[in-house]
Structure formats: structure tokens, C-alpha cells
Amino acid sequence: MADRIPLDHLTSDQYDALRAEREQQRQRAEEAEAALARVRALAGDMRTWCSPHGLALHYSDTVLAALD
């Protein structure tokens, strides 16, 4: 990490930029977790779908296994 700035050399602008980046990453993580929850709910719902040869059940199990 050659670009690492010692804390005592950090300017207020750099600090503000780091805080903004952290907030953006937190927001993206929350959005990703919400998307995964929606996929998990959809996969759970798929278990109740009627499909030839039980494919919906198989797909549901496959999606849930991939998430776990």
C-alpha cells in the first residue's frame, strides 16, 4: 500500500473524501444485501410454483444453495 497516507498527514479534504467513500460503500452493501434478500424470497416462492418435472423446485434449491 504505497499510497497509504499517515493519519497525521491527512488533510481535511482527504478525510472528507474517505468518509464519503465509506458512506457510498455502506450504501452499496445495504443495497446488495437487500437484493440478496429479494432473490432469496423469490427462490423460496419458486418452491410453490407448478412446473413440469419439478424444475421450479430444482431451480429454487440451486439458487438457495448458491446463496448459502
N, C-alpha and C. Protein backbone atom coordinates (compact mmCIF):
# COMPACT_ATOMS: atom_id res chain seq x y z
N MET A 1 0.83 -1.18 0.00
CA MET A 1 0.00 0.00 0.00
C MET A 1 0.88 1.25 0.00
N ALA A 2 1.46 1.53 -1.10
CA ALA A 2 2.35 2.67 -1.20
C ALA A 2 1.60 4.00 -1.11
N ASP A 3 0.32 4.01 -1.44
CA ASP A 3 -0.47 5.24 -1.43
C ASP A 3 -1.06 5.56 -0.06
N ARG A 4 -0.75 4.78 0.92
CA ARG A 4 -1.31 5.00 2.25
C ARG A 4 -0.75 6.28 2.87
N ILE A 5 -1.64 7.12 3.36
CA ILE A 5 -1.25 8.40 3.95
C ILE A 5 -1.26 8.26 5.47
N PRO A 6 -0.16 8.64 6.13
CA PRO A 6 -0.17 8.59 7.60
C PRO A 6 -1.27 9.51 8.14
N LEU A 7 -1.90 9.10 9.21
CA LEU A 7 -3.02 9.83 9.77
C LEU A 7 -2.67 11.28 10.09
N ASP A 8 -1.48 11.51 10.57
CA ASP A 8 -1.11 12.88 10.93
C ASP A 8 -0.84 13.77 9.71
N HIS A 9 -0.81 13.18 8.51
CA HIS A 9 -0.64 13.95 7.27
C HIS A 9 -1.94 14.07 6.48
N LEU A 10 -3.01 13.55 7.00
CA LEU A 10 -4.30 13.53 6.31
C LEU A 10 -4.93 14.93 6.36
N THR A 11 -5.25 15.46 5.19
CA THR A 11 -5.90 16.78 5.15
C THR A 11 -7.39 16.60 5.40
N SER A 12 -8.04 17.69 5.70
CA SER A 12 -9.49 17.61 5.94
C SER A 12 -10.23 17.21 4.67
N ASP A 13 -9.74 17.64 3.50
CA ASP A 13 -10.36 17.23 2.24
C ASP A 13 -10.22 15.73 2.02
N GLN A 14 -9.05 15.19 2.32
CA GLN A 14 -8.84 13.76 2.17
C GLN A 14 -9.71 12.98 3.15
N TYR A 15 -9.82 13.50 4.36
CA TYR A 15 -10.68 12.87 5.37
C TYR A 15 -12.13 12.87 4.91
N ASP A 16 -12.59 14.01 4.40
CA ASP A 16 -13.97 14.10 3.90
C ASP A 16 -14.19 13.14 2.74
N ALA A 17 -13.20 13.01 1.87
CA ALA A 17 -13.32 12.08 0.74
C ALA A 17 -13.40 10.64 1.23
N LEU A 18 -12.62 10.30 2.24
CA LEU A 18 -12.66 8.95 2.80
C LEU A 18 -14.01 8.66 3.45
N ARG A 19 -14.53 9.63 4.17
CA ARG A 19 -15.85 9.46 4.79
C ARG A 19 -16.94 9.29 3.74
N ALA A 20 -16.87 10.06 2.66
CA ALA A 20 -17.85 9.96 1.58
C ALA A 20 -17.76 8.59 0.91
N GLU A 21 -16.53 8.13 0.69
CA GLU A 21 -16.34 6.81 0.08
C GLU A 21 -16.89 5.71 0.98
N ARG A 22 -16.62 5.83 2.28
CA ARG A 22 -17.14 4.84 3.23
C ARG A 22 -18.67 4.83 3.23
N GLU A 23 -19.28 5.98 3.17
CA GLU A 23 -20.74 6.06 3.14
C GLU A 23 -21.29 5.43 1.86
N GLN A 24 -20.62 5.71 0.74
CA GLN A 24 -21.05 5.11 -0.54
C GLN A 24 -20.92 3.59 -0.48
N GLN A 25 -19.85 3.08 0.09
CA GLN A 25 -19.66 1.64 0.20
C GLN A 25 -20.70 1.02 1.15
N ARG A 26 -21.03 1.73 2.24
CA ARG A 26 -22.06 1.24 3.15
C ARG A 26 -23.40 1.15 2.44
N GLN A 27 -23.72 2.19 1.66
CA GLN A 27 -24.98 2.21 0.92
C GLN A 27 -25.04 1.07 -0.09
N ARG A 28 -23.94 0.86 -0.81
CA ARG A 28 -23.90 -0.22 -1.80
C ARG A 28 -24.03 -1.59 -1.13
N ALA A 29 -23.42 -1.75 0.03
CA ALA A 29 -23.52 -3.02 0.76
C ALA A 29 -24.97 -3.26 1.20
N GLU A 30 -25.63 -2.23 1.68
CA GLU A 30 -27.03 -2.37 2.09
C GLU A 30 -27.91 -2.72 0.89
N GLU A 31 -27.65 -2.08 -0.25
CA GLU A 31 -28.42 -2.39 -1.47
C GLU A 31 -28.18 -3.82 -1.92
N ALA A 32 -26.94 -4.29 -1.81
CA ALA A 32 -26.62 -5.67 -2.21
C ALA A 32 -27.30 -6.66 -1.28
N GLU A 33 -27.30 -6.37 0.01
CA GLU A 33 -27.97 -7.26 0.97
C GLU A 33 -29.48 -7.30 0.71
N ALA A 34 -30.06 -6.16 0.37
CA ALA A 34 -31.49 -6.12 0.06
C ALA A 34 -31.79 -6.91 -1.21
N ALA A 35 -30.91 -6.81 -2.20
CA ALA A 35 -31.10 -7.56 -3.45
C ALA A 35 -31.02 -9.06 -3.18
N LEU A 36 -30.07 -9.47 -2.34
CA LEU A 36 -29.96 -10.89 -1.99
C LEU A 36 -31.19 -11.37 -1.24
N ALA A 37 -31.73 -10.53 -0.39
CA ALA A 37 -32.96 -10.91 0.33
C ALA A 37 -34.11 -11.10 -0.65
N ARG A 38 -34.18 -10.24 -1.67
CA ARG A 38 -35.24 -10.38 -2.68
C ARG A 38 -35.06 -11.66 -3.48
N VAL A 39 -33.83 -11.99 -3.83
CA VAL A 39 -33.56 -13.24 -4.57
C VAL A 39 -33.91 -14.44 -3.71
N ARG A 40 -33.53 -14.39 -2.43
CA ARG A 40 -33.84 -15.50 -1.51
C ARG A 40 -35.36 -15.67 -1.39
N ALA A 41 -36.10 -14.57 -1.28
CA ALA A 41 -37.56 -14.65 -1.18
C ALA A 41 -38.16 -15.21 -2.46
N LEU A 42 -37.64 -14.79 -3.61
CA LEU A 42 -38.13 -15.31 -4.88
C LEU A 42 -37.86 -16.81 -4.99
N ALA A 43 -36.66 -17.23 -4.59
CA ALA A 43 -36.34 -18.66 -4.64
C ALA A 43 -37.25 -19.45 -3.72
N GLY A 44 -37.56 -18.88 -2.56
CA GLY A 44 -38.49 -19.56 -1.65
C GLY A 44 -39.88 -19.66 -2.26
N ASP A 45 -40.30 -18.60 -2.93
CA ASP A 45 -41.61 -18.61 -3.58
C ASP A 45 -41.64 -19.60 -4.75
N MET A 46 -40.52 -19.75 -5.43
CA MET A 46 -40.45 -20.67 -6.57
C MET A 46 -40.79 -22.10 -6.16
N ARG A 47 -40.54 -22.43 -4.91
CA ARG A 47 -40.82 -23.80 -4.44
C ARG A 47 -42.31 -24.14 -4.56
N THR A 48 -43.16 -23.10 -4.61
CA THR A 48 -44.60 -23.34 -4.69
C THR A 48 -45.12 -23.31 -6.12
N TRP A 49 -44.26 -22.99 -7.07
CA TRP A 49 -44.68 -22.89 -8.47
C TRP A 49 -44.91 -24.28 -9.06
N CYS A 50 -45.88 -24.34 -9.94
CA CYS A 50 -46.14 -25.57 -10.68
C CYS A 50 -45.26 -25.55 -11.93
N SER A 51 -44.49 -26.60 -12.13
CA SER A 51 -43.64 -26.65 -13.32
C SER A 51 -43.47 -28.11 -13.73
N PRO A 52 -43.23 -28.32 -15.01
CA PRO A 52 -43.03 -29.69 -15.48
C PRO A 52 -41.80 -30.33 -14.82
N HIS A 53 -41.94 -31.54 -14.40
CA HIS A 53 -40.85 -32.34 -13.85
C HIS A 53 -40.21 -31.70 -12.61
N GLY A 54 -40.92 -30.82 -11.93
CA GLY A 54 -40.41 -30.21 -10.71
C GLY A 54 -39.22 -29.29 -10.91
N LEU A 55 -39.12 -28.70 -12.11
CA LEU A 55 -37.96 -27.85 -12.39
C LEU A 55 -37.91 -26.62 -11.49
N ALA A 56 -39.05 -26.04 -11.16
CA ALA A 56 -39.05 -24.85 -10.31
C ALA A 56 -38.45 -25.19 -8.94
N LEU A 57 -38.79 -26.34 -8.41
CA LEU A 57 -38.23 -26.77 -7.14
C LEU A 57 -36.72 -26.95 -7.25
N HIS A 58 -36.29 -27.58 -8.34
CA HIS A 58 -34.85 -27.78 -8.56
C HIS A 58 -34.13 -26.43 -8.68
N TYR A 59 -34.69 -25.52 -9.48
CA TYR A 59 -34.08 -24.20 -9.64
C TYR A 59 -34.03 -23.46 -8.31
N SER A 60 -35.10 -23.56 -7.55
CA SER A 60 -35.14 -22.92 -6.24
C SER A 60 -34.02 -23.44 -5.35
N ASP A 61 -33.88 -24.74 -5.29
CA ASP A 61 -32.82 -25.35 -4.47
C ASP A 61 -31.45 -24.91 -4.95
N THR A 62 -31.27 -24.83 -6.27
CA THR A 62 -29.98 -24.43 -6.84
C THR A 62 -29.64 -22.98 -6.49
N VAL A 63 -30.63 -22.10 -6.59
CA VAL A 63 -30.42 -20.69 -6.25
C VAL A 63 -30.09 -20.55 -4.76
N LEU A 64 -30.85 -21.22 -3.92
CA LEU A 64 -30.61 -21.12 -2.47
C LEU A 64 -29.25 -21.70 -2.10
N ALA A 65 -28.85 -22.79 -2.74
CA ALA A 65 -27.53 -23.37 -2.48
C ALA A 65 -26.42 -22.40 -2.90
N ALA A 66 -26.62 -21.71 -4.00
CA ALA A 66 -25.62 -20.76 -4.48
C ALA A 66 -25.50 -19.57 -3.51
N LEU A 67 -26.60 -19.19 -2.89
CA LEU A 67 -26.57 -18.08 -1.93
C LEU A 67 -25.92 -18.47 -0.62
N ASP A 68 -26.06 -19.73 -0.26
CA ASP A 68 -25.50 -20.19 1.02
C ASP A 68 -24.08 -20.59 0.79
